């Protein structure tokens, strides 16, 4: 099982709305994530907008490809893109660059 962690930056003026959106993620988006191998997926948000994402998956590239093919993902990414800083034209899911794990205590 791969453990994947990534960072993004939410605009400080959109933090409350970002939290609200994630308190009510679309059921079809949740189903697509589960069906494509995203497990133990968590998002942590700091007050300055730093977003830390963590998930476990058998194959991150395959999990990303599965979501790329899911119609609901295109709608979700388009809806969420305005919440983020520094995407440089990428969708939020394209801007998720995994961090290198340097320690793990099992």
N, C-alpha and C. Protein backbone atom coordinates (compact mmCIF):
# COMPACT_ATOMS: atom_id res chain seq x y z
N UNK A 1 0.86 -1.18 0.00
CA UNK A 1 0.00 0.00 0.00
C UNK A 1 0.90 1.24 0.00
N UNK A 2 0.68 2.13 -0.95
CA UNK A 2 1.42 3.40 -1.00
C UNK A 2 0.74 4.42 -0.08
N UNK A 3 1.54 5.17 0.65
CA UNK A 3 1.06 6.31 1.41
C UNK A 3 1.47 7.54 0.63
N UNK A 4 0.52 8.42 0.35
CA UNK A 4 0.78 9.60 -0.47
C UNK A 4 0.39 10.83 0.33
N UNK A 5 1.29 11.81 0.37
CA UNK A 5 1.03 13.08 1.03
C UNK A 5 1.35 14.19 0.05
N UNK A 6 0.53 15.23 0.02
CA UNK A 6 0.75 16.36 -0.88
C UNK A 6 0.32 17.66 -0.21
N UNK A 7 0.79 18.76 -0.75
CA UNK A 7 0.46 20.09 -0.25
C UNK A 7 -0.19 20.92 -1.35
N UNK A 8 -1.16 21.72 -0.98
CA UNK A 8 -1.74 22.74 -1.85
C UNK A 8 -1.99 23.97 -0.98
N UNK A 9 -2.35 25.07 -1.61
CA UNK A 9 -2.61 26.30 -0.86
C UNK A 9 -3.99 26.84 -1.21
N UNK A 10 -4.86 26.87 -0.20
CA UNK A 10 -6.21 27.41 -0.35
C UNK A 10 -6.15 28.92 -0.11
N UNK A 11 -6.87 29.67 -0.90
CA UNK A 11 -6.92 31.13 -0.72
C UNK A 11 -7.51 31.44 0.65
N UNK A 12 -6.85 32.32 1.37
CA UNK A 12 -7.29 32.63 2.73
C UNK A 12 -8.71 33.20 2.78
N UNK A 13 -9.12 33.91 1.73
CA UNK A 13 -10.46 34.49 1.72
C UNK A 13 -11.54 33.46 1.38
N UNK A 14 -11.14 32.21 1.10
CA UNK A 14 -12.10 31.16 0.74
C UNK A 14 -12.09 29.99 1.72
N UNK A 15 -11.38 30.12 2.85
CA UNK A 15 -11.23 29.01 3.78
C UNK A 15 -12.56 28.49 4.31
N UNK A 16 -13.44 29.37 4.73
CA UNK A 16 -14.71 28.93 5.29
C UNK A 16 -15.53 28.17 4.25
N UNK A 17 -15.60 28.71 3.05
CA UNK A 17 -16.37 28.03 2.00
C UNK A 17 -15.73 26.71 1.62
N UNK A 18 -14.40 26.64 1.62
CA UNK A 18 -13.70 25.38 1.32
C UNK A 18 -14.08 24.32 2.36
N UNK A 19 -14.09 24.71 3.63
CA UNK A 19 -14.49 23.77 4.69
C UNK A 19 -15.93 23.30 4.47
N UNK A 20 -16.82 24.24 4.15
CA UNK A 20 -18.22 23.90 3.92
C UNK A 20 -18.37 22.90 2.77
N UNK A 21 -17.65 23.13 1.68
CA UNK A 21 -17.73 22.23 0.53
C UNK A 21 -17.28 20.82 0.91
N UNK A 22 -16.28 20.73 1.75
CA UNK A 22 -15.76 19.41 2.12
C UNK A 22 -16.56 18.75 3.24
N UNK A 23 -17.43 19.51 3.87
CA UNK A 23 -18.36 18.91 4.83
C UNK A 23 -19.52 18.24 4.10
N UNK A 24 -19.63 18.51 2.80
CA UNK A 24 -20.73 17.96 2.00
C UNK A 24 -20.24 17.59 0.61
N UNK A 25 -19.19 16.76 0.55
CA UNK A 25 -18.67 16.30 -0.75
C UNK A 25 -19.77 15.51 -1.46
N UNK A 26 -19.90 15.73 -2.75
CA UNK A 26 -20.93 15.06 -3.53
C UNK A 26 -20.81 13.54 -3.37
N UNK A 27 -21.92 12.86 -3.13
CA UNK A 27 -21.88 11.40 -2.98
C UNK A 27 -21.24 10.69 -4.18
N UNK A 28 -21.47 11.19 -5.39
CA UNK A 28 -20.88 10.54 -6.56
C UNK A 28 -19.37 10.74 -6.63
N UNK A 29 -18.88 11.83 -6.04
CA UNK A 29 -17.44 12.04 -5.97
C UNK A 29 -16.82 11.08 -4.96
N UNK A 30 -17.46 10.93 -3.81
CA UNK A 30 -16.99 9.97 -2.81
C UNK A 30 -16.96 8.56 -3.38
N UNK A 31 -18.00 8.20 -4.11
CA UNK A 31 -18.07 6.86 -4.71
C UNK A 31 -16.96 6.66 -5.73
N UNK A 32 -16.69 7.68 -6.53
CA UNK A 32 -15.63 7.58 -7.54
C UNK A 32 -14.26 7.43 -6.88
N UNK A 33 -14.00 8.18 -5.84
CA UNK A 33 -12.72 8.05 -5.13
C UNK A 33 -12.55 6.63 -4.59
N UNK A 34 -13.57 6.13 -3.95
CA UNK A 34 -13.49 4.77 -3.40
C UNK A 34 -13.30 3.73 -4.50
N UNK A 35 -14.05 3.88 -5.58
CA UNK A 35 -13.99 2.91 -6.67
C UNK A 35 -12.65 2.90 -7.38
N UNK A 36 -11.93 4.02 -7.34
CA UNK A 36 -10.65 4.10 -8.05
C UNK A 36 -9.44 3.89 -7.14
N UNK A 37 -9.70 3.47 -5.89
CA UNK A 37 -8.60 3.05 -5.03
C UNK A 37 -8.04 4.08 -4.08
N UNK A 38 -8.80 5.13 -3.79
CA UNK A 38 -8.36 6.13 -2.81
C UNK A 38 -8.89 5.69 -1.44
N UNK A 39 -7.98 5.39 -0.51
CA UNK A 39 -8.36 4.91 0.82
C UNK A 39 -7.74 5.80 1.89
N UNK A 40 -8.40 5.86 3.04
CA UNK A 40 -7.91 6.68 4.16
C UNK A 40 -7.49 8.06 3.68
N UNK A 41 -8.31 8.66 2.83
CA UNK A 41 -8.02 9.97 2.25
C UNK A 41 -8.46 11.04 3.24
N UNK A 42 -7.52 11.88 3.62
CA UNK A 42 -7.78 12.97 4.57
C UNK A 42 -7.19 14.26 4.03
N UNK A 43 -7.86 15.36 4.37
CA UNK A 43 -7.34 16.69 4.09
C UNK A 43 -7.26 17.44 5.41
N UNK A 44 -6.13 18.11 5.62
CA UNK A 44 -5.91 18.91 6.82
C UNK A 44 -5.64 20.34 6.36
N UNK A 45 -6.32 21.31 7.00
CA UNK A 45 -6.24 22.70 6.56
C UNK A 45 -5.76 23.58 7.70
N UNK A 46 -4.67 24.31 7.45
CA UNK A 46 -4.15 25.26 8.43
C UNK A 46 -4.82 26.62 8.19
N UNK A 47 -4.83 27.47 9.20
CA UNK A 47 -5.53 28.76 9.12
C UNK A 47 -4.96 29.69 8.06
N UNK A 48 -3.72 29.48 7.63
CA UNK A 48 -3.15 30.32 6.57
C UNK A 48 -3.43 29.76 5.18
N UNK A 49 -4.18 28.66 5.12
CA UNK A 49 -4.56 28.08 3.84
C UNK A 49 -3.72 26.90 3.40
N UNK A 50 -2.68 26.55 4.14
CA UNK A 50 -1.89 25.37 3.77
C UNK A 50 -2.77 24.13 3.90
N UNK A 51 -2.87 23.39 2.83
CA UNK A 51 -3.67 22.17 2.80
C UNK A 51 -2.73 20.98 2.67
N UNK A 52 -2.87 20.03 3.58
CA UNK A 52 -2.10 18.81 3.54
C UNK A 52 -3.07 17.67 3.25
N UNK A 53 -2.79 16.94 2.18
CA UNK A 53 -3.61 15.80 1.82
C UNK A 53 -2.84 14.51 2.07
N UNK A 54 -3.56 13.49 2.50
CA UNK A 54 -2.96 12.18 2.74
C UNK A 54 -3.92 11.11 2.26
N UNK A 55 -3.39 10.11 1.58
CA UNK A 55 -4.20 8.97 1.17
C UNK A 55 -3.34 7.73 1.09
N UNK A 56 -4.00 6.60 1.07
CA UNK A 56 -3.34 5.32 0.86
C UNK A 56 -3.98 4.68 -0.36
N UNK A 57 -3.16 4.03 -1.16
CA UNK A 57 -3.64 3.41 -2.39
C UNK A 57 -2.67 2.31 -2.83
N UNK A 58 -3.15 1.38 -3.57
CA UNK A 58 -2.28 0.33 -4.12
C UNK A 58 -1.33 0.91 -5.17
N UNK A 59 -1.83 1.84 -5.97
CA UNK A 59 -1.06 2.40 -7.08
C UNK A 59 -1.57 3.82 -7.34
N UNK A 60 -0.78 4.82 -6.93
CA UNK A 60 -1.23 6.20 -7.04
C UNK A 60 -1.47 6.62 -8.48
N UNK A 61 -0.60 6.22 -9.39
CA UNK A 61 -0.78 6.58 -10.80
C UNK A 61 -2.09 6.00 -11.33
N UNK A 62 -2.40 4.77 -10.96
CA UNK A 62 -3.66 4.14 -11.40
C UNK A 62 -4.86 4.83 -10.75
N UNK A 63 -4.73 5.20 -9.47
CA UNK A 63 -5.82 5.89 -8.78
C UNK A 63 -6.09 7.25 -9.43
N UNK A 64 -5.02 7.96 -9.79
CA UNK A 64 -5.18 9.24 -10.48
C UNK A 64 -5.81 9.04 -11.86
N UNK A 65 -5.36 8.03 -12.58
CA UNK A 65 -5.91 7.77 -13.92
C UNK A 65 -7.39 7.40 -13.83
N UNK A 66 -7.75 6.65 -12.82
CA UNK A 66 -9.16 6.30 -12.62
C UNK A 66 -10.02 7.52 -12.40
N UNK A 67 -9.52 8.45 -11.60
CA UNK A 67 -10.29 9.68 -11.37
C UNK A 67 -10.30 10.56 -12.62
N UNK A 68 -9.23 10.56 -13.36
CA UNK A 68 -9.17 11.33 -14.61
C UNK A 68 -10.29 10.90 -15.55
N UNK A 69 -10.62 9.62 -15.52
CA UNK A 69 -11.65 9.07 -16.41
C UNK A 69 -13.07 9.25 -15.86
N UNK A 70 -13.18 9.67 -14.61
CA UNK A 70 -14.50 9.83 -13.97
C UNK A 70 -15.09 11.20 -14.31
N UNK A 71 -16.25 11.22 -14.89
CA UNK A 71 -16.90 12.47 -15.29
C UNK A 71 -17.11 13.40 -14.11
N UNK A 72 -17.47 12.84 -12.96
CA UNK A 72 -17.72 13.67 -11.78
C UNK A 72 -16.45 14.40 -11.36
N UNK A 73 -15.31 13.82 -11.58
CA UNK A 73 -14.05 14.47 -11.20
C UNK A 73 -13.83 15.76 -11.99
N UNK A 74 -14.13 15.75 -13.27
CA UNK A 74 -13.96 16.96 -14.07
C UNK A 74 -14.83 18.09 -13.52
N UNK A 75 -16.06 17.77 -13.13
CA UNK A 75 -16.95 18.78 -12.56
C UNK A 75 -16.44 19.27 -11.21
N UNK A 76 -15.99 18.34 -10.36
CA UNK A 76 -15.50 18.71 -9.03
C UNK A 76 -14.25 19.58 -9.14
N UNK A 77 -13.31 19.19 -9.99
CA UNK A 77 -12.07 19.95 -10.14
C UNK A 77 -12.34 21.36 -10.66
N UNK A 78 -13.24 21.48 -11.61
CA UNK A 78 -13.60 22.81 -12.14
C UNK A 78 -14.26 23.65 -11.05
N UNK A 79 -15.07 23.04 -10.24
CA UNK A 79 -15.76 23.73 -9.17
C UNK A 79 -14.79 24.17 -8.06
N UNK A 80 -13.77 23.37 -7.80
CA UNK A 80 -12.85 23.65 -6.71
C UNK A 80 -11.65 24.51 -7.11
N UNK A 81 -11.31 24.58 -8.37
CA UNK A 81 -10.11 25.31 -8.81
C UNK A 81 -10.03 26.75 -8.28
N UNK A 82 -11.13 27.51 -8.24
CA UNK A 82 -11.02 28.89 -7.76
C UNK A 82 -10.61 29.03 -6.29
N UNK A 83 -10.64 27.95 -5.55
CA UNK A 83 -10.28 28.00 -4.13
C UNK A 83 -8.77 28.02 -3.91
N UNK A 84 -7.99 27.67 -4.92
CA UNK A 84 -6.56 27.44 -4.74
C UNK A 84 -5.69 28.55 -5.31
N UNK A 85 -4.52 28.72 -4.69
CA UNK A 85 -3.47 29.61 -5.19
C UNK A 85 -2.48 28.79 -6.01
N UNK A 86 -1.83 29.43 -6.93
CA UNK A 86 -0.66 28.88 -7.64
C UNK A 86 -0.90 27.56 -8.36
N UNK A 87 -2.01 27.43 -9.05
CA UNK A 87 -2.23 26.21 -9.83
C UNK A 87 -1.58 26.32 -11.21
N UNK A 88 -1.27 27.53 -11.64
CA UNK A 88 -0.62 27.77 -12.94
C UNK A 88 -1.35 27.08 -14.09
N UNK A 89 -2.67 27.17 -14.07
CA UNK A 89 -3.48 26.61 -15.15
C UNK A 89 -3.82 25.14 -14.99
N UNK A 90 -3.26 24.49 -13.99
CA UNK A 90 -3.55 23.07 -13.75
C UNK A 90 -4.82 22.94 -12.91
N UNK A 91 -5.46 21.79 -12.99
CA UNK A 91 -6.56 21.48 -12.09
C UNK A 91 -5.96 21.16 -10.71
N UNK A 92 -6.75 21.29 -9.64
CA UNK A 92 -6.20 20.95 -8.32
C UNK A 92 -5.62 19.53 -8.26
N UNK A 93 -6.29 18.57 -8.88
CA UNK A 93 -5.79 17.20 -8.81
C UNK A 93 -4.50 17.02 -9.62
N UNK A 94 -4.27 17.87 -10.61
CA UNK A 94 -3.02 17.82 -11.37
C UNK A 94 -1.88 18.47 -10.58
N UNK A 95 -2.21 19.38 -9.68
CA UNK A 95 -1.21 20.09 -8.90
C UNK A 95 -0.77 19.31 -7.66
N UNK A 96 -1.40 18.19 -7.40
CA UNK A 96 -1.03 17.35 -6.26
C UNK A 96 0.27 16.62 -6.58
N UNK A 97 1.36 17.13 -6.05
CA UNK A 97 2.68 16.51 -6.25
C UNK A 97 3.07 15.80 -4.96
N UNK A 98 3.16 14.49 -4.98
CA UNK A 98 3.48 13.76 -3.75
C UNK A 98 4.81 14.18 -3.15
N UNK A 99 4.81 14.28 -1.83
CA UNK A 99 6.03 14.54 -1.09
C UNK A 99 6.79 13.23 -0.93
N UNK A 100 8.09 13.33 -0.75
CA UNK A 100 8.91 12.14 -0.53
C UNK A 100 8.85 11.76 0.95
N UNK A 101 8.48 10.52 1.20
CA UNK A 101 8.45 10.03 2.57
C UNK A 101 9.86 9.78 3.05
N UNK A 102 10.21 10.36 4.22
CA UNK A 102 11.55 10.16 4.75
C UNK A 102 11.55 9.36 6.05
N UNK A 103 10.36 9.13 6.63
CA UNK A 103 10.28 8.33 7.85
C UNK A 103 8.87 7.79 7.98
N UNK A 104 8.77 6.56 8.49
CA UNK A 104 7.46 5.96 8.78
C UNK A 104 7.63 4.99 9.93
N UNK A 105 6.82 5.13 10.96
CA UNK A 105 6.79 4.20 12.08
C UNK A 105 5.54 3.36 11.93
N UNK A 106 5.72 2.08 11.67
CA UNK A 106 4.56 1.18 11.50
C UNK A 106 4.08 0.65 12.83
